[in-house]
Amino acid sequence: MAKDGTNRGGRRVRAGDKPDALADKIARGKAAQVMDLPIAELDGTDDYGPVPDLPGADMPHPSSYLSAKQRDGEPLGADIIFTETIRWLKERGCDRLVNPRLVESYSEAFARYIQCSEAVSKFGLLGKHPTTQAPIASPFVQMALSFQKQANLLWYEIFDIVKQNCTTAYEGSPQDDAMEKLLRARSKTR
């Protein structure tokens, strides 16, 4: 560390070989550490009295802003992406390892990307400058790229957790379904 408090030199962040996935380590017979979350066992004999029969929740409910109505009257649809992603995580046994807020952020970013892509399809690649009325590139294109980048970064974070902790082979992605829906929606508008 330099005198001014900044880090200089040294190894770059994320440099070097990437760690192998947990499923690959297990398949090769290498030593692997499986993250095992402790589950509290209740026997009903605690000092607090009998344990009430509580209903279990299969999956967390998406926040209301993920399905909020947009300016055009249509719902955002991020709640559907959230549900699909949580279901995908649950199938791989990693739903407890990923923070639901991370999945919500991913869902919103991907839904906004789809929304911008639909706007590009509807309004085209060109727009008018507000003052000069000259043709300019549509702002929806740049926004779509920004939301796509944000969604991908969040997805890599989620997928990295799955990759490092999933003991079975992980195949498929909820992103595949979302892209298929985007392409279907585009073909319906034609």
N, C-alpha and C. Protein backbone atom coordinates (compact mmCIF):
# COMPACT_ATOMS: atom_id res chain seq x y z
N MET A 1 0.85 -1.17 0.00
CA MET A 1 0.00 0.00 0.00
C MET A 1 0.89 1.23 0.00
N ALA A 2 0.53 2.21 -0.82
CA ALA A 2 1.29 3.44 -0.92
C ALA A 2 0.94 4.38 0.24
N LYS A 3 1.73 5.46 0.37
CA LYS A 3 1.50 6.42 1.45
C LYS A 3 0.14 7.09 1.35
N ASP A 4 -0.36 7.23 0.13
CA ASP A 4 -1.65 7.89 -0.03
C ASP A 4 -2.83 6.96 0.22
N GLY A 5 -2.56 5.72 0.59
CA GLY A 5 -3.64 4.79 0.94
C GLY A 5 -4.17 3.96 -0.21
N THR A 6 -3.54 4.04 -1.38
CA THR A 6 -4.02 3.26 -2.52
C THR A 6 -3.18 2.00 -2.67
N ASN A 7 -3.82 0.97 -3.17
CA ASN A 7 -3.11 -0.28 -3.44
C ASN A 7 -2.49 -0.19 -4.82
N ARG A 8 -1.23 -0.52 -4.90
CA ARG A 8 -0.53 -0.51 -6.18
C ARG A 8 0.27 -1.78 -6.32
N GLY A 9 0.32 -2.27 -7.53
CA GLY A 9 1.11 -3.46 -7.79
C GLY A 9 0.44 -4.70 -7.23
N GLY A 10 1.18 -5.77 -7.27
CA GLY A 10 0.64 -7.01 -6.74
C GLY A 10 -0.19 -7.75 -7.76
N ARG A 11 -0.75 -8.82 -7.30
CA ARG A 11 -1.55 -9.70 -8.15
C ARG A 11 -2.87 -9.04 -8.52
N ARG A 12 -3.26 -9.17 -9.78
CA ARG A 12 -4.54 -8.63 -10.22
C ARG A 12 -5.69 -9.47 -9.67
N VAL A 13 -6.80 -8.82 -9.45
CA VAL A 13 -7.98 -9.51 -8.96
C VAL A 13 -8.47 -10.47 -10.03
N ARG A 14 -8.84 -11.68 -9.64
CA ARG A 14 -9.35 -12.74 -10.52
C ARG A 14 -8.33 -13.21 -11.56
N ALA A 15 -7.05 -12.98 -11.29
CA ALA A 15 -6.01 -13.46 -12.19
C ALA A 15 -5.70 -14.91 -11.86
N GLY A 16 -5.24 -15.65 -12.84
CA GLY A 16 -4.84 -17.02 -12.61
C GLY A 16 -5.92 -18.01 -13.00
N ASP A 17 -5.64 -19.29 -12.72
CA ASP A 17 -6.60 -20.34 -13.07
C ASP A 17 -7.86 -20.21 -12.24
N LYS A 18 -8.98 -20.47 -12.87
CA LYS A 18 -10.26 -20.43 -12.18
C LYS A 18 -10.42 -21.74 -11.40
N PRO A 19 -11.06 -21.69 -10.25
CA PRO A 19 -11.25 -22.93 -9.48
C PRO A 19 -12.22 -23.87 -10.20
N ASP A 20 -11.99 -25.16 -10.04
CA ASP A 20 -12.88 -26.15 -10.64
C ASP A 20 -14.21 -26.16 -9.91
N ALA A 21 -15.25 -26.53 -10.62
CA ALA A 21 -16.58 -26.63 -10.03
C ALA A 21 -16.61 -27.81 -9.06
N LEU A 22 -17.46 -27.71 -8.07
CA LEU A 22 -17.56 -28.76 -7.05
C LEU A 22 -17.94 -30.09 -7.67
N ALA A 23 -18.88 -30.09 -8.60
CA ALA A 23 -19.30 -31.34 -9.25
C ALA A 23 -18.14 -31.97 -10.01
N ASP A 24 -17.29 -31.15 -10.66
CA ASP A 24 -16.13 -31.69 -11.38
C ASP A 24 -15.11 -32.28 -10.42
N LYS A 25 -14.89 -31.62 -9.28
CA LYS A 25 -13.96 -32.15 -8.28
C LYS A 25 -14.42 -33.50 -7.77
N ILE A 26 -15.71 -33.61 -7.48
CA ILE A 26 -16.25 -34.87 -6.96
C ILE A 26 -16.15 -35.96 -8.02
N ALA A 27 -16.44 -35.62 -9.29
CA ALA A 27 -16.38 -36.60 -10.37
C ALA A 27 -14.97 -37.13 -10.57
N ARG A 28 -13.96 -36.29 -10.37
CA ARG A 28 -12.56 -36.71 -10.54
C ARG A 28 -11.99 -37.39 -9.30
N GLY A 29 -12.74 -37.37 -8.21
CA GLY A 29 -12.27 -37.99 -6.98
C GLY A 29 -11.32 -37.12 -6.18
N LYS A 30 -11.27 -35.83 -6.49
CA LYS A 30 -10.40 -34.92 -5.75
C LYS A 30 -11.05 -34.56 -4.42
N ALA A 31 -10.25 -34.06 -3.53
CA ALA A 31 -10.77 -33.60 -2.24
C ALA A 31 -11.62 -32.35 -2.48
N ALA A 32 -12.82 -32.38 -1.97
CA ALA A 32 -13.73 -31.25 -2.16
C ALA A 32 -14.46 -30.98 -0.87
N GLN A 33 -14.67 -29.72 -0.60
CA GLN A 33 -15.38 -29.33 0.61
C GLN A 33 -16.79 -28.90 0.23
N VAL A 34 -17.79 -29.65 0.71
CA VAL A 34 -19.18 -29.34 0.43
C VAL A 34 -19.70 -28.45 1.54
N MET A 35 -20.26 -27.29 1.15
CA MET A 35 -20.79 -26.38 2.14
C MET A 35 -22.10 -26.97 2.67
N ASP A 36 -22.11 -27.28 3.93
CA ASP A 36 -23.29 -27.87 4.54
C ASP A 36 -23.84 -26.89 5.55
N LEU A 37 -25.03 -26.38 5.27
CA LEU A 37 -25.63 -25.41 6.17
C LEU A 37 -26.29 -26.13 7.33
N PRO A 38 -26.04 -25.66 8.54
CA PRO A 38 -26.64 -26.34 9.69
C PRO A 38 -28.16 -26.11 9.73
N ILE A 39 -28.87 -27.18 10.05
CA ILE A 39 -30.32 -27.10 10.18
C ILE A 39 -30.63 -27.39 11.64
N ALA A 40 -31.30 -26.47 12.28
CA ALA A 40 -31.62 -26.64 13.69
C ALA A 40 -32.71 -27.71 13.82
N GLU A 41 -32.44 -28.69 14.63
CA GLU A 41 -33.41 -29.75 14.88
C GLU A 41 -34.21 -29.38 16.11
N LEU A 42 -35.51 -29.39 15.99
CA LEU A 42 -36.38 -29.08 17.10
C LEU A 42 -37.06 -30.37 17.55
N ASP A 43 -36.98 -30.64 18.81
CA ASP A 43 -37.63 -31.85 19.31
C ASP A 43 -38.89 -31.55 20.11
N GLY A 44 -39.19 -30.29 20.32
CA GLY A 44 -40.41 -29.91 21.00
C GLY A 44 -40.33 -29.96 22.52
N THR A 45 -39.15 -30.22 23.04
CA THR A 45 -39.02 -30.31 24.50
C THR A 45 -38.27 -29.11 25.06
N ASP A 46 -38.13 -28.06 24.29
CA ASP A 46 -37.45 -26.87 24.78
C ASP A 46 -38.27 -26.20 25.87
N ASP A 47 -37.67 -25.22 26.52
CA ASP A 47 -38.35 -24.49 27.59
C ASP A 47 -39.50 -23.62 27.07
N TYR A 48 -39.58 -23.47 25.77
CA TYR A 48 -40.57 -22.58 25.18
C TYR A 48 -41.93 -23.25 24.99
N GLY A 49 -42.07 -24.48 25.33
CA GLY A 49 -43.33 -25.18 25.17
C GLY A 49 -43.34 -25.98 23.88
N PRO A 50 -44.50 -26.47 23.51
CA PRO A 50 -44.57 -27.27 22.28
C PRO A 50 -44.31 -26.42 21.04
N VAL A 51 -43.75 -27.06 20.04
CA VAL A 51 -43.43 -26.36 18.79
C VAL A 51 -44.72 -26.23 17.97
N PRO A 52 -45.08 -25.00 17.56
CA PRO A 52 -46.29 -24.85 16.75
C PRO A 52 -46.08 -25.43 15.36
N ASP A 53 -47.17 -25.87 14.76
CA ASP A 53 -47.13 -26.39 13.40
C ASP A 53 -47.15 -25.22 12.44
N LEU A 54 -45.98 -24.89 11.90
CA LEU A 54 -45.87 -23.73 11.01
C LEU A 54 -45.91 -24.20 9.56
N PRO A 55 -46.61 -23.44 8.71
CA PRO A 55 -46.63 -23.83 7.29
C PRO A 55 -45.28 -23.54 6.66
N GLY A 56 -44.78 -24.44 5.83
CA GLY A 56 -43.51 -24.24 5.14
C GLY A 56 -43.71 -23.45 3.87
N ALA A 57 -42.69 -22.74 3.47
CA ALA A 57 -42.74 -21.96 2.24
C ALA A 57 -41.85 -22.63 1.22
N ASP A 58 -42.43 -22.92 0.07
CA ASP A 58 -41.66 -23.56 -0.98
C ASP A 58 -40.63 -22.63 -1.58
N MET A 59 -41.02 -21.41 -1.83
CA MET A 59 -40.11 -20.46 -2.46
C MET A 59 -40.47 -19.05 -2.00
N PRO A 60 -39.48 -18.18 -1.91
CA PRO A 60 -39.79 -16.81 -1.48
C PRO A 60 -40.68 -16.10 -2.51
N HIS A 61 -41.54 -15.26 -2.01
CA HIS A 61 -42.41 -14.50 -2.91
C HIS A 61 -41.64 -13.31 -3.47
N PRO A 62 -41.81 -13.04 -4.76
CA PRO A 62 -41.13 -11.88 -5.32
C PRO A 62 -41.73 -10.59 -4.77
N SER A 63 -40.91 -9.57 -4.65
CA SER A 63 -41.39 -8.27 -4.17
C SER A 63 -42.38 -7.69 -5.18
N SER A 64 -43.24 -6.82 -4.68
CA SER A 64 -44.32 -6.28 -5.52
C SER A 64 -43.79 -5.42 -6.67
N TYR A 65 -42.62 -4.80 -6.51
CA TYR A 65 -42.12 -3.94 -7.58
C TYR A 65 -41.71 -4.74 -8.82
N LEU A 66 -41.54 -6.06 -8.67
CA LEU A 66 -41.17 -6.88 -9.82
C LEU A 66 -42.35 -7.12 -10.76
N SER A 67 -43.56 -6.92 -10.25
CA SER A 67 -44.74 -7.11 -11.11
C SER A 67 -45.55 -5.82 -11.24
N ALA A 68 -44.94 -4.69 -10.90
CA ALA A 68 -45.65 -3.41 -10.94
C ALA A 68 -46.05 -3.06 -12.37
N LYS A 69 -47.17 -2.40 -12.50
CA LYS A 69 -47.64 -1.96 -13.82
C LYS A 69 -46.73 -0.83 -14.31
N GLN A 70 -46.38 -0.91 -15.58
CA GLN A 70 -45.52 0.09 -16.18
C GLN A 70 -46.38 1.21 -16.77
N ARG A 71 -45.74 2.17 -17.34
CA ARG A 71 -46.45 3.34 -17.86
C ARG A 71 -47.43 2.97 -18.97
N ASP A 72 -47.11 1.92 -19.73
CA ASP A 72 -48.01 1.50 -20.80
C ASP A 72 -49.14 0.60 -20.32
N GLY A 73 -49.19 0.32 -19.01
CA GLY A 73 -50.26 -0.49 -18.43
C GLY A 73 -49.93 -1.96 -18.32
N GLU A 74 -48.83 -2.39 -18.91
CA GLU A 74 -48.40 -3.79 -18.85
C GLU A 74 -47.57 -4.02 -17.59
N PRO A 75 -47.65 -5.22 -17.00
CA PRO A 75 -46.77 -5.50 -15.86
C PRO A 75 -45.33 -5.68 -16.33
N LEU A 76 -44.38 -5.43 -15.44
CA LEU A 76 -42.97 -5.54 -15.80
C LEU A 76 -42.61 -6.97 -16.17
N GLY A 77 -43.08 -7.94 -15.41
CA GLY A 77 -42.81 -9.34 -15.73
C GLY A 77 -41.57 -9.89 -15.07
N ALA A 78 -40.91 -9.10 -14.23
CA ALA A 78 -39.70 -9.60 -13.56
C ALA A 78 -40.05 -10.66 -12.52
N ASP A 79 -41.30 -10.68 -12.04
CA ASP A 79 -41.71 -11.69 -11.08
C ASP A 79 -41.67 -13.09 -11.70
N ILE A 80 -41.96 -13.18 -13.00
CA ILE A 80 -41.90 -14.48 -13.69
C ILE A 80 -40.45 -14.95 -13.79
N ILE A 81 -39.55 -14.04 -14.11
CA ILE A 81 -38.13 -14.38 -14.20
C ILE A 81 -37.61 -14.78 -12.82
N PHE A 82 -38.04 -14.07 -11.78
CA PHE A 82 -37.66 -14.39 -10.40
C PHE A 82 -38.09 -15.81 -10.05
N THR A 83 -39.35 -16.14 -10.34
CA THR A 83 -39.88 -17.46 -10.01
C THR A 83 -39.14 -18.56 -10.76
N GLU A 84 -38.88 -18.34 -12.05
CA GLU A 84 -38.15 -19.33 -12.84
C GLU A 84 -36.73 -19.53 -12.32
N THR A 85 -36.08 -18.45 -11.93
CA THR A 85 -34.71 -18.54 -11.44
C THR A 85 -34.66 -19.25 -10.09
N ILE A 86 -35.58 -18.92 -9.19
CA ILE A 86 -35.62 -19.59 -7.88
C ILE A 86 -35.90 -21.07 -8.07
N ARG A 87 -36.81 -21.41 -8.99
CA ARG A 87 -37.12 -22.82 -9.26
C ARG A 87 -35.87 -23.53 -9.79
N TRP A 88 -35.12 -22.87 -10.68
CA TRP A 88 -33.90 -23.44 -11.23
C TRP A 88 -32.87 -23.68 -10.13
N LEU A 89 -32.75 -22.70 -9.22
CA LEU A 89 -31.82 -22.85 -8.10
C LEU A 89 -32.26 -23.99 -7.18
N LYS A 90 -33.55 -24.10 -6.93
CA LYS A 90 -34.08 -25.14 -6.05
C LYS A 90 -33.81 -26.53 -6.62
N GLU A 91 -33.94 -26.69 -7.94
CA GLU A 91 -33.66 -27.98 -8.58
C GLU A 91 -32.21 -28.40 -8.38
N ARG A 92 -31.32 -27.44 -8.23
CA ARG A 92 -29.90 -27.74 -8.04
C ARG A 92 -29.48 -27.72 -6.58
N GLY A 93 -30.44 -27.46 -5.68
CA GLY A 93 -30.15 -27.47 -4.25
C GLY A 93 -29.37 -26.27 -3.78
N CYS A 94 -29.40 -25.17 -4.52
CA CYS A 94 -28.63 -23.98 -4.17
C CYS A 94 -29.51 -22.80 -3.82
N ASP A 95 -30.81 -23.02 -3.64
CA ASP A 95 -31.72 -21.90 -3.40
C ASP A 95 -31.46 -21.23 -2.06
N ARG A 96 -30.94 -21.99 -1.08
CA ARG A 96 -30.65 -21.39 0.23
C ARG A 96 -29.33 -20.64 0.25
N LEU A 97 -28.50 -20.84 -0.75
CA LEU A 97 -27.18 -20.22 -0.79
C LEU A 97 -27.18 -18.86 -1.48
N VAL A 98 -28.21 -18.60 -2.28
CA VAL A 98 -28.27 -17.35 -3.04
C VAL A 98 -29.26 -16.41 -2.38
N ASN A 99 -28.82 -15.20 -2.14
CA ASN A 99 -29.68 -14.20 -1.52
C ASN A 99 -30.84 -13.85 -2.47
N PRO A 100 -32.08 -13.90 -1.98
CA PRO A 100 -33.21 -13.56 -2.86
C PRO A 100 -33.12 -12.14 -3.44
N ARG A 101 -32.49 -11.21 -2.74
CA ARG A 101 -32.33 -9.85 -3.28
C ARG A 101 -31.44 -9.84 -4.52
N LEU A 102 -30.46 -10.74 -4.56
CA LEU A 102 -29.61 -10.86 -5.73
C LEU A 102 -30.43 -11.36 -6.92
N VAL A 103 -31.29 -12.34 -6.67
CA VAL A 103 -32.16 -12.86 -7.72
C VAL A 103 -33.15 -11.80 -8.17
N GLU A 104 -33.67 -10.99 -7.23
CA GLU A 104 -34.58 -9.91 -7.59
C GLU A 104 -33.88 -8.88 -8.48
N SER A 105 -32.65 -8.53 -8.13
CA SER A 105 -31.90 -7.56 -8.94
C SER A 105 -31.67 -8.10 -10.35
N TYR A 106 -31.30 -9.37 -10.43
CA TYR A 106 -31.10 -10.00 -11.74
C TYR A 106 -32.41 -9.99 -12.54
N SER A 107 -33.50 -10.35 -11.89
CA SER A 107 -34.80 -10.43 -12.56
C SER A 107 -35.23 -9.08 -13.10
N GLU A 108 -35.04 -8.04 -12.30
CA GLU A 108 -35.44 -6.71 -12.74
C GLU A 108 -34.58 -6.25 -13.92
N ALA A 109 -33.26 -6.47 -13.82
CA ALA A 109 -32.37 -6.03 -14.91
C ALA A 109 -32.71 -6.76 -16.21
N PHE A 110 -32.99 -8.07 -16.12
CA PHE A 110 -33.29 -8.82 -17.33
C PHE A 110 -34.65 -8.42 -17.90
N ALA A 111 -35.63 -8.15 -17.03
CA ALA A 111 -36.93 -7.69 -17.50
C ALA A 111 -36.82 -6.32 -18.17
N ARG A 112 -35.99 -5.44 -17.62
CA ARG A 112 -35.78 -4.13 -18.24
C ARG A 112 -35.08 -4.28 -19.60
N TYR A 113 -34.15 -5.22 -19.70
CA TYR A 113 -33.50 -5.49 -20.98
C TYR A 113 -34.54 -5.93 -22.02
N ILE A 114 -35.45 -6.82 -21.62
CA ILE A 114 -36.50 -7.27 -22.53
C ILE A 114 -37.40 -6.10 -22.92
N GLN A 115 -37.71 -5.25 -21.94
CA GLN A 115 -38.56 -4.08 -22.18
C GLN A 115 -37.90 -3.14 -23.21
N CYS A 116 -36.61 -2.90 -23.05
CA CYS A 116 -35.90 -2.02 -24.00
C CYS A 116 -35.81 -2.66 -25.38
N SER A 117 -35.62 -3.97 -25.44
CA SER A 117 -35.56 -4.66 -26.73
C SER A 117 -36.90 -4.57 -27.45
N GLU A 118 -37.99 -4.70 -26.69
CA GLU A 118 -39.32 -4.55 -27.30
C GLU A 118 -39.53 -3.13 -27.81
N ALA A 119 -39.01 -2.13 -27.07
CA ALA A 119 -39.14 -0.73 -27.51
C ALA A 119 -38.34 -0.50 -28.79
N VAL A 120 -37.17 -1.11 -28.92
CA VAL A 120 -36.39 -0.98 -30.15
C VAL A 120 -37.16 -1.61 -31.31
N SER A 121 -37.79 -2.76 -31.04
CA SER A 121 -38.59 -3.40 -32.10
C SER A 121 -39.77 -2.54 -32.50
N LYS A 122 -40.39 -1.88 -31.53
CA LYS A 122 -41.59 -1.08 -31.79
C LYS A 122 -41.26 0.26 -32.45
N PHE A 123 -40.23 0.96 -31.94
CA PHE A 123 -39.94 2.31 -32.42
C PHE A 123 -38.80 2.38 -33.43
N GLY A 124 -38.01 1.33 -33.58
CA GLY A 124 -36.92 1.32 -34.55
C GLY A 124 -35.60 1.75 -33.93
N LEU A 125 -34.57 1.75 -34.75
CA LEU A 125 -33.22 2.06 -34.30
C LEU A 125 -32.90 3.54 -34.33
N LEU A 126 -33.75 4.33 -34.95
CA LEU A 126 -33.51 5.76 -35.04
C LEU A 126 -34.59 6.53 -34.30
N GLY A 127 -34.21 7.71 -33.80
CA GLY A 127 -35.14 8.61 -33.15
C GLY A 127 -34.86 10.03 -33.60
N LYS A 128 -35.63 10.97 -33.07
CA LYS A 128 -35.41 12.38 -33.40
C LYS A 128 -34.79 13.08 -32.21
N HIS A 129 -33.83 13.95 -32.53
CA HIS A 129 -33.24 14.77 -31.48
C HIS A 129 -34.32 15.72 -30.95
N PRO A 130 -34.41 15.90 -29.61
CA PRO A 130 -35.51 16.71 -29.07
C PRO A 130 -35.52 18.17 -29.53
N THR A 131 -34.37 18.76 -29.80
CA THR A 131 -34.36 20.18 -30.19
C THR A 131 -34.14 20.39 -31.68
N THR A 132 -33.22 19.65 -32.27
CA THR A 132 -32.90 19.86 -33.68
C THR A 132 -33.75 19.02 -34.62
N GLN A 133 -34.44 18.02 -34.10
CA GLN A 133 -35.25 17.09 -34.88
C GLN A 133 -34.43 16.28 -35.87
N ALA A 134 -33.11 16.30 -35.74
CA ALA A 134 -32.25 15.50 -36.61
C ALA A 134 -32.30 14.04 -36.16
N PRO A 135 -32.09 13.10 -37.07
CA PRO A 135 -32.10 11.68 -36.69
C PRO A 135 -30.91 11.36 -35.78
N ILE A 136 -31.21 10.60 -34.72
CA ILE A 136 -30.17 10.13 -33.79
C ILE A 136 -30.42 8.66 -33.51
N ALA A 137 -29.42 8.02 -32.96
CA ALA A 137 -29.59 6.62 -32.55
C ALA A 137 -30.61 6.55 -31.42
N SER A 138 -31.43 5.52 -31.45
CA SER A 138 -32.45 5.35 -30.42
C SER A 138 -31.80 5.17 -29.05
N PRO A 139 -32.27 5.88 -28.02
CA PRO A 139 -31.69 5.70 -26.69
C PRO A 139 -31.99 4.32 -26.10
N PHE A 140 -33.01 3.64 -26.65
CA PHE A 140 -33.36 2.32 -26.13
C PHE A 140 -32.26 1.29 -26.41
N VAL A 141 -31.50 1.50 -27.49
CA VAL A 141 -30.42 0.58 -27.82
C VAL A 141 -29.36 0.62 -26.72
N GLN A 142 -28.93 1.82 -26.35
CA GLN A 142 -27.92 1.97 -25.31
C GLN A 142 -28.44 1.47 -23.96
N MET A 143 -29.69 1.77 -23.66
CA MET A 143 -30.27 1.30 -22.39
C MET A 143 -30.35 -0.22 -22.37
N ALA A 144 -30.71 -0.83 -23.50
CA ALA A 144 -30.79 -2.29 -23.57
C ALA A 144 -29.42 -2.92 -23.31
N LEU A 145 -28.38 -2.34 -23.91
CA LEU A 145 -27.03 -2.85 -23.68
C LEU A 145 -26.62 -2.72 -22.22
N SER A 146 -26.98 -1.60 -21.61
CA SER A 146 -26.66 -1.37 -20.21
C SER A 146 -27.36 -2.38 -19.30
N PHE A 147 -28.66 -2.59 -19.54
CA PHE A 147 -29.41 -3.56 -18.72
C PHE A 147 -28.93 -4.99 -18.97
N GLN A 148 -28.56 -5.28 -20.21
CA GLN A 148 -28.06 -6.62 -20.52
C GLN A 148 -26.74 -6.87 -19.80
N LYS A 149 -25.87 -5.89 -19.78
CA LYS A 149 -24.59 -6.03 -19.08
C LYS A 149 -24.82 -6.23 -17.59
N GLN A 150 -25.72 -5.44 -17.02
CA GLN A 150 -26.02 -5.55 -15.59
C GLN A 150 -26.61 -6.93 -15.28
N ALA A 151 -27.55 -7.40 -16.12
CA ALA A 151 -28.16 -8.71 -15.90
C ALA A 151 -27.11 -9.82 -16.00
N ASN A 152 -26.21 -9.71 -16.97
CA ASN A 152 -25.17 -10.73 -17.12
C ASN A 152 -24.23 -10.76 -15.93
N LEU A 153 -23.84 -9.61 -15.43
CA LEU A 153 -22.96 -9.58 -14.26
C LEU A 153 -23.63 -10.23 -13.05
N LEU A 154 -24.91 -9.92 -12.85
CA LEU A 154 -25.64 -10.52 -11.74
C LEU A 154 -25.82 -12.02 -11.96
N TRP A 155 -26.07 -12.42 -13.21
CA TRP A 155 -26.23 -13.85 -13.49
C TRP A 155 -24.93 -14.59 -13.24
N TYR A 156 -23.78 -14.01 -13.62
CA TYR A 156 -22.49 -14.67 -13.37
C TYR A 156 -22.27 -14.86 -11.88
N GLU A 157 -22.70 -13.91 -11.09
CA GLU A 157 -22.58 -14.02 -9.64
C GLU A 157 -23.43 -15.17 -9.11
N ILE A 158 -24.67 -15.26 -9.59
CA ILE A 158 -25.56 -16.36 -9.17
C ILE A 158 -25.00 -17.69 -9.65
N PHE A 159 -24.60 -17.74 -10.92
CA PHE A 159 -24.12 -19.00 -11.49
C PHE A 159 -22.83 -19.46 -10.83
N ASP A 160 -22.00 -18.52 -10.41
CA ASP A 160 -20.76 -18.88 -9.72
C ASP A 160 -21.06 -19.57 -8.40
N ILE A 161 -22.08 -19.12 -7.69
CA ILE A 161 -22.48 -19.77 -6.44
C ILE A 161 -22.95 -21.20 -6.73
N VAL A 162 -23.73 -21.36 -7.79
CA VAL A 162 -24.20 -22.70 -8.17
C VAL A 162 -23.02 -23.57 -8.56
N LYS A 163 -22.13 -23.02 -9.37
CA LYS A 163 -20.98 -23.78 -9.85
C LYS A 163 -20.10 -24.27 -8.70
N GLN A 164 -19.91 -23.41 -7.70
CA GLN A 164 -19.02 -23.76 -6.59
C GLN A 164 -19.67 -24.69 -5.57
N ASN A 165 -21.01 -24.79 -5.56
CA ASN A 165 -21.67 -25.54 -4.50
C ASN A 165 -22.57 -26.66 -4.97
N CYS A 166 -22.81 -26.79 -6.25
CA CYS A 166 -23.72 -27.81 -6.76
C CYS A 166 -22.98 -29.14 -6.87
N THR A 167 -23.53 -30.18 -6.27
CA THR A 167 -22.88 -31.49 -6.30
C THR A 167 -23.33 -32.32 -7.49
N THR A 168 -24.34 -31.89 -8.21
CA THR A 168 -24.79 -32.60 -9.41
C THR A 168 -24.48 -31.74 -10.63
N ALA A 169 -24.55 -32.37 -11.78
CA ALA A 169 -24.29 -31.63 -13.03
C ALA A 169 -25.37 -30.57 -13.21
N TYR A 170 -24.96 -29.38 -13.58
CA TYR A 170 -25.92 -28.30 -13.80
C TYR A 170 -25.99 -28.05 -15.29
N GLU A 171 -27.18 -28.18 -15.82
CA GLU A 171 -27.39 -27.96 -17.25
C GLU A 171 -28.59 -27.06 -17.42
N GLY A 172 -28.62 -26.36 -18.51
CA GLY A 172 -29.74 -25.47 -18.78
C GLY A 172 -29.62 -24.19 -17.98
N SER A 173 -30.45 -23.24 -18.34
CA SER A 173 -30.42 -21.95 -17.68
C SER A 173 -31.78 -21.29 -17.84
N PRO A 174 -32.26 -20.61 -16.81
CA PRO A 174 -33.52 -19.90 -16.97
C PRO A 174 -33.41 -18.78 -18.00
N GLN A 175 -32.19 -18.35 -18.30
CA GLN A 175 -32.00 -17.32 -19.33
C GLN A 175 -32.44 -17.83 -20.69
N ASP A 176 -32.26 -19.13 -20.93
CA ASP A 176 -32.66 -19.69 -22.22
C ASP A 176 -34.16 -19.51 -22.43
N ASP A 177 -34.96 -19.77 -21.39
CA ASP A 177 -36.41 -19.61 -21.49
C ASP A 177 -36.79 -18.15 -21.72
N ALA A 178 -36.11 -17.23 -21.02
CA ALA A 178 -36.43 -15.81 -21.16
C ALA A 178 -36.14 -15.32 -22.58
N MET A 179 -35.02 -15.78 -23.15
CA MET A 179 -34.69 -15.37 -24.51
C MET A 179 -35.69 -15.95 -25.50
N GLU A 180 -36.15 -17.18 -25.24
CA GLU A 180 -37.15 -17.78 -26.10
C GLU A 180 -38.45 -16.97 -26.05
N LYS A 181 -38.84 -16.52 -24.86
CA LYS A 181 -40.05 -15.71 -24.72
C LYS A 181 -39.89 -14.38 -25.45
N LEU A 182 -38.69 -13.80 -25.37
CA LEU A 182 -38.44 -12.54 -26.07
C LEU A 182 -38.60 -12.72 -27.58
N LEU A 183 -38.06 -13.80 -28.10
CA LEU A 183 -38.16 -14.05 -29.53
C LEU A 183 -39.60 -14.35 -29.94
N ARG A 184 -40.34 -15.06 -29.09
CA ARG A 184 -41.74 -15.33 -29.39
C ARG A 184 -42.57 -14.06 -29.37
N ALA A 185 -42.31 -13.19 -28.39
CA ALA A 185 -43.04 -11.91 -28.30
C ALA A 185 -42.77 -11.07 -29.54
N ARG A 186 -41.56 -11.11 -30.02
CA ARG A 186 -41.21 -10.32 -31.20
C ARG A 186 -41.92 -10.85 -32.43
N SER A 187 -42.05 -12.18 -32.54
CA SER A 187 -42.70 -12.75 -33.72
C SER A 187 -44.21 -12.51 -33.69
N LYS A 188 -44.80 -12.34 -32.50
CA LYS A 188 -46.24 -12.07 -32.38
C LYS A 188 -46.57 -10.66 -32.84
N THR A 189 -45.63 -9.71 -32.67
CA THR A 189 -45.90 -8.32 -33.03
C THR A 189 -45.81 -8.10 -34.54
N ARG A 190 -45.29 -9.02 -35.26
CA ARG A 190 -45.14 -8.87 -36.72
C ARG A 190 -46.42 -9.19 -37.43
